[in-house]
Amino acid sequence: MAQGIVKASDLPQVIPVFPLNGAVLLARGQLPLNIFEPRYLNMIDDAMAGDRMVGMVQTTGGPADHPTLAPVGCVGRITNFAETPDGRYMITLTGICRFRSVEEIPARSPYRQVRADFQPYAADLIPAPSSAEIGRPVLLEALRLFLEHRGLEIDWDTARDAPAEALVNSLCMALPFEVAEKQALVEAADLTARARALTTLLSINAADSGDEDTPPSLQ
């Protein structure tokens, strides 16, 4: 957790946002980003000069040059920063808390800013216990089928032993789901609901690949 942040009211009311479909952030997750567009270089400069906070948010359509922002995103703090010889920024955002966008703020800056309501997601500030109920055996079986169809592999020992929150959130951030599916995971009420939604998405994607061997029912 960022130093000094213990409750939702400790977070800034207005935050810069980086709209990027397919790239989602969740509490305590780490998201590496390669920043090269001038407006977002400006955003990172301003963030580094202040509280280092940036909100990650997907979009839901609208014009390409000003897409509609998804209603829920997650704010993170820049915890790693490096500049490349060609002027790009390589940063890592560490997730702090989800937010609901109350309104977009007219700004002179080239990047977009929103008034954020963190209160509905204040529980994000408290790490889930490592033993939180996520239905791990069913989740891992669904993950196995999903990865087999894509020729992908993971460290299964790590997956079996990882704390519940770290496992679920890292999978939600890293796996190649559609934008709407990623958004559903971001908006899940809590870790248990997110794990259930993740397991369902893995099962659906495996079934769509034509596998007759489906994971056990969640019921």
Protein backbone atom coordinates (compact mmCIF):
# COMPACT_ATOMS: atom_id res chain seq x y z
CA MET A 1 0.00 0.00 0.00
CA ALA A 2 1.21 3.51 -0.79
CA GLN A 3 2.66 5.22 2.26
CA GLY A 4 0.03 7.04 4.33
CA ILE A 5 -3.00 5.57 2.55
CA VAL A 6 -5.16 3.71 5.05
CA LYS A 7 -8.68 4.71 3.98
CA ALA A 8 -10.47 5.81 0.82
CA SER A 9 -10.52 9.47 1.87
CA ASP A 10 -6.69 9.49 1.81
CA LEU A 11 -6.75 9.11 -1.97
CA PRO A 12 -6.92 12.15 -4.30
CA GLN A 13 -10.35 13.24 -5.50
CA VAL A 14 -9.09 14.01 -9.02
CA ILE A 15 -6.73 11.65 -10.82
CA PRO A 16 -5.16 11.45 -14.28
CA VAL A 17 -6.30 8.43 -16.25
CA PHE A 18 -4.60 6.29 -18.87
CA PRO A 19 -7.25 4.69 -21.13
CA LEU A 20 -5.81 1.44 -22.44
CA ASN A 21 -8.00 -1.48 -23.48
CA GLY A 22 -6.79 -4.89 -22.38
CA ALA A 23 -4.52 -3.48 -19.68
CA VAL A 24 -6.21 -3.60 -16.29
CA LEU A 25 -4.87 -3.02 -12.81
CA LEU A 26 -6.08 -4.49 -9.52
CA ALA A 27 -5.12 -3.84 -5.90
CA ARG A 28 -1.50 -4.82 -5.18
CA GLY A 29 -1.02 -6.04 -8.74
CA GLN A 30 1.94 -4.75 -10.74
CA LEU A 31 1.47 -3.49 -14.28
CA PRO A 32 4.53 -2.66 -16.44
CA LEU A 33 3.89 0.04 -19.05
CA ASN A 34 5.86 1.43 -21.97
CA ILE A 35 4.94 5.12 -22.29
CA PHE A 36 5.74 6.87 -25.57
CA GLU A 37 2.85 9.15 -26.59
CA PRO A 38 3.66 12.82 -25.78
CA ARG A 39 0.45 13.40 -23.80
CA TYR A 40 1.15 10.41 -21.57
CA LEU A 41 4.80 11.32 -21.17
CA ASN A 42 3.43 14.65 -19.91
CA MET A 43 1.06 12.77 -17.58
CA ILE A 44 3.91 10.73 -16.10
CA ASP A 45 6.05 13.86 -15.66
CA ASP A 46 3.22 15.49 -13.71
CA ALA A 47 2.55 12.35 -11.67
CA MET A 48 6.23 11.95 -10.77
CA ALA A 49 6.29 15.56 -9.61
CA GLY A 50 3.27 14.92 -7.36
CA ASP A 51 1.77 11.85 -5.71
CA ARG A 52 2.79 9.39 -8.47
CA MET A 53 -0.86 8.32 -8.88
CA VAL A 54 -2.29 7.24 -12.26
CA GLY A 55 -5.66 5.62 -12.92
CA MET A 56 -5.89 2.75 -15.40
CA VAL A 57 -9.23 2.51 -17.21
CA GLN A 58 -10.61 0.74 -20.27
CA THR A 59 -13.00 2.27 -22.80
CA THR A 60 -16.49 1.37 -24.00
CA GLY A 61 -16.64 2.77 -27.50
CA GLY A 62 -17.05 6.31 -28.75
CA PRO A 63 -14.77 8.25 -31.13
CA ALA A 64 -11.22 6.96 -31.49
CA ASP A 65 -9.69 10.27 -30.44
CA HIS A 66 -11.86 10.59 -27.32
CA PRO A 67 -13.36 7.21 -26.37
CA THR A 68 -15.92 6.77 -23.61
CA LEU A 69 -14.25 5.76 -20.37
CA ALA A 70 -15.41 2.62 -18.58
CA PRO A 71 -17.14 3.49 -15.30
CA VAL A 72 -14.70 1.60 -13.06
CA GLY A 73 -10.91 1.60 -13.10
CA CYS A 74 -8.08 1.22 -10.62
CA VAL A 75 -5.56 3.78 -9.41
CA GLY A 76 -1.96 2.79 -8.98
CA ARG A 77 1.24 4.38 -7.81
CA ILE A 78 4.36 4.55 -9.96
CA THR A 79 6.76 2.29 -8.08
CA ASN A 80 9.40 1.90 -10.79
CA PHE A 81 10.53 4.45 -13.36
CA ALA A 82 13.20 4.44 -16.05
CA GLU A 83 13.80 6.57 -19.15
CA THR A 84 15.13 5.00 -22.35
CA PRO A 85 17.68 6.65 -24.65
CA ASP A 86 14.90 7.37 -27.19
CA GLY A 87 12.76 9.22 -24.65
CA ARG A 88 10.25 6.55 -23.65
CA TYR A 89 9.32 5.90 -20.04
CA MET A 90 9.30 2.36 -18.68
CA ILE A 91 7.21 2.36 -15.53
CA THR A 92 5.53 -0.06 -13.16
CA LEU A 93 2.19 0.80 -11.59
CA THR A 94 1.31 -0.94 -8.35
CA GLY A 95 -2.45 -1.12 -7.80
CA ILE A 96 -3.95 0.62 -4.78
CA CYS A 97 -7.74 0.83 -5.07
CA ARG A 98 -10.48 0.68 -7.66
CA PHE A 99 -12.60 3.76 -8.30
CA ARG A 100 -15.82 4.76 -9.97
CA SER A 101 -15.56 7.76 -12.30
CA VAL A 102 -17.99 10.40 -11.08
CA GLU A 103 -17.27 12.81 -13.92
CA GLU A 104 -14.54 13.80 -16.31
CA ILE A 105 -12.83 17.06 -15.38
CA PRO A 106 -12.20 19.67 -18.09
CA ALA A 107 -8.45 20.14 -17.97
CA ARG A 108 -5.78 22.16 -19.69
CA SER A 109 -3.51 19.14 -19.66
CA PRO A 110 -3.30 17.00 -22.83
CA TYR A 111 -4.31 13.91 -20.86
CA ARG A 112 -7.68 13.16 -19.30
CA GLN A 113 -8.62 13.48 -15.64
CA VAL A 114 -11.62 12.27 -13.66
CA ARG A 115 -13.20 12.89 -10.30
CA ALA A 116 -12.91 9.50 -8.62
CA ASP A 117 -15.07 7.89 -5.94
CA PHE A 118 -13.03 5.26 -4.08
CA GLN A 119 -15.50 4.62 -1.31
CA PRO A 120 -17.40 1.74 -3.01
CA TYR A 121 -14.10 -0.13 -3.23
CA ALA A 122 -12.53 0.85 0.10
CA ALA A 123 -12.10 -2.85 0.94
CA ASP A 124 -9.38 -2.97 -1.75
CA LEU A 125 -7.10 -1.19 0.71
CA ILE A 126 -7.10 -4.26 2.98
CA PRO A 127 -5.20 -7.25 1.57
CA ALA A 128 -7.26 -10.43 1.40
CA PRO A 129 -6.07 -13.26 3.67
CA SER A 130 -3.91 -15.81 1.88
CA SER A 131 -6.52 -18.45 2.73
CA ALA A 132 -9.43 -16.53 1.14
CA GLU A 133 -12.00 -18.77 -0.56
CA ILE A 134 -11.35 -18.79 -4.31
CA GLY A 135 -12.24 -22.39 -5.24
CA ARG A 136 -8.59 -23.03 -6.13
CA PRO A 137 -8.88 -26.66 -7.41
CA VAL A 138 -11.69 -25.74 -9.83
CA LEU A 139 -9.94 -22.54 -10.87
CA LEU A 140 -6.66 -24.32 -11.59
CA GLU A 141 -8.39 -27.04 -13.61
CA ALA A 142 -10.15 -24.39 -15.71
CA LEU A 143 -6.82 -22.60 -16.13
CA ARG A 144 -5.13 -25.83 -17.27
CA LEU A 145 -7.68 -26.34 -20.04
CA PHE A 146 -7.51 -22.68 -21.07
CA LEU A 147 -3.72 -22.72 -21.36
CA GLU A 148 -3.56 -26.08 -23.15
CA HIS A 149 -5.63 -24.70 -26.03
CA ARG A 150 -3.25 -21.79 -26.42
CA GLY A 151 -0.04 -23.70 -26.07
CA LEU A 152 0.85 -21.70 -22.97
CA GLU A 153 2.47 -22.78 -19.73
CA ILE A 154 2.88 -21.37 -16.23
CA ASP A 155 4.78 -22.34 -13.11
CA TRP A 156 2.22 -24.69 -11.59
CA ASP A 157 4.01 -24.93 -8.24
CA THR A 158 3.72 -21.16 -7.90
CA ALA A 159 0.05 -21.24 -8.94
CA ARG A 160 -0.76 -23.90 -6.35
CA ASP A 161 1.11 -22.12 -3.54
CA ALA A 162 0.48 -18.43 -4.31
CA PRO A 163 -1.66 -16.40 -1.91
CA ALA A 164 -5.27 -16.30 -3.08
CA GLU A 165 -5.37 -12.59 -3.95
CA ALA A 166 -2.04 -12.61 -5.78
CA LEU A 167 -3.08 -15.63 -7.87
CA VAL A 168 -6.51 -14.36 -8.89
CA ASN A 169 -5.54 -10.75 -9.54
CA SER A 170 -2.40 -11.62 -11.50
CA LEU A 171 -4.35 -14.02 -13.73
CA CYS A 172 -7.07 -11.42 -14.32
CA MET A 173 -4.45 -8.88 -15.35
CA ALA A 174 -2.28 -11.17 -17.48
CA LEU A 175 -4.63 -13.51 -19.35
CA PRO A 176 -5.75 -12.56 -22.89
CA PHE A 177 -9.46 -11.96 -22.35
CA GLU A 178 -11.68 -9.61 -24.35
CA VAL A 179 -12.10 -6.02 -23.14
CA ALA A 180 -15.62 -6.61 -21.79
CA GLU A 181 -14.47 -9.75 -20.00
CA LYS A 182 -11.56 -7.88 -18.41
CA GLN A 183 -13.96 -5.16 -17.29
CA ALA A 184 -16.27 -7.71 -15.67
CA LEU A 185 -13.31 -8.97 -13.65
CA VAL A 186 -12.38 -5.43 -12.60
CA GLU A 187 -15.93 -4.73 -11.45
CA ALA A 188 -16.39 -7.98 -9.49
CA ALA A 189 -17.57 -7.17 -5.97
CA ASP A 190 -14.76 -8.89 -4.07
CA LEU A 191 -12.05 -11.51 -4.44
CA THR A 192 -14.41 -14.48 -4.13
CA ALA A 193 -16.71 -13.05 -6.81
CA ARG A 194 -13.72 -12.27 -9.03
CA ALA A 195 -12.38 -15.82 -8.67
CA ARG A 196 -15.77 -17.23 -9.62
CA ALA A 197 -16.04 -14.92 -12.64
CA LEU A 198 -12.48 -15.80 -13.68
CA THR A 199 -13.20 -19.52 -13.47
CA THR A 200 -16.34 -19.07 -15.55
CA LEU A 201 -14.46 -17.09 -18.24
CA LEU A 202 -11.71 -19.71 -18.39
CA SER A 203 -14.33 -22.44 -18.77
CA ILE A 204 -16.22 -20.58 -21.49
CA ASN A 205 -13.06 -19.86 -23.45
CA ALA A 206 -11.97 -23.49 -23.20
CA ALA A 207 -15.40 -24.67 -24.36
CA ASP A 208 -15.32 -22.23 -27.28
CA SER A 209 -12.08 -23.88 -28.36
CA GLY A 210 -14.00 -27.11 -28.89
CA ASP A 211 -12.74 -29.10 -25.91
CA GLU A 212 -15.19 -31.68 -24.69
CA ASP A 213 -13.34 -31.97 -21.37
CA THR A 214 -14.79 -29.16 -19.29
CA PRO A 215 -13.90 -28.27 -15.72
CA PRO A 216 -16.17 -29.17 -12.81
CA SER A 217 -19.30 -27.11 -12.20
CA LEU A 218 -19.09 -24.14 -9.87
CA GLN A 219 -22.40 -25.15 -8.31
